[in-house]
Amino acid sequence: MVRFDCRDEAAAVRFDELTAVAVREITELEPGTLVYATSVVDGEPLARVFYEVYRDRDAFRAHEEADHVRRFHALKDPLLTGTRVEFLTPGAAKGLP
């Protein structure tokens, strides 16, 4: 799970545009990425949260090393004031493989 905090409203708009492209590329090019869900945080219009589920660690590494993901990181980073990454270990759930 990753939380991104955008600098301002213009940065949030651009971040969302970049995210739409990245999600399309991830969907097309990454069979090992099982879930890549993006959200705006209620009550915090400059915050975004991504929930990501990968088939395994190799799929995660492939995601991080992919050209389209590296490009996304390079373009989005100047738009942000903060990023918080948390690795989760799944517990009881519905909808996960």
Foldseek 3Di string as FASTA:
>chain_A
DKKFFFPDDVLQVVLVVLVVVLVVCCVVPQPQWPAWDKDQDPPRRRMMDTDTDGNDVVSVVCQCPDPSNVVSCVVNVVGTPDMDDDDDDDDDDPDDD
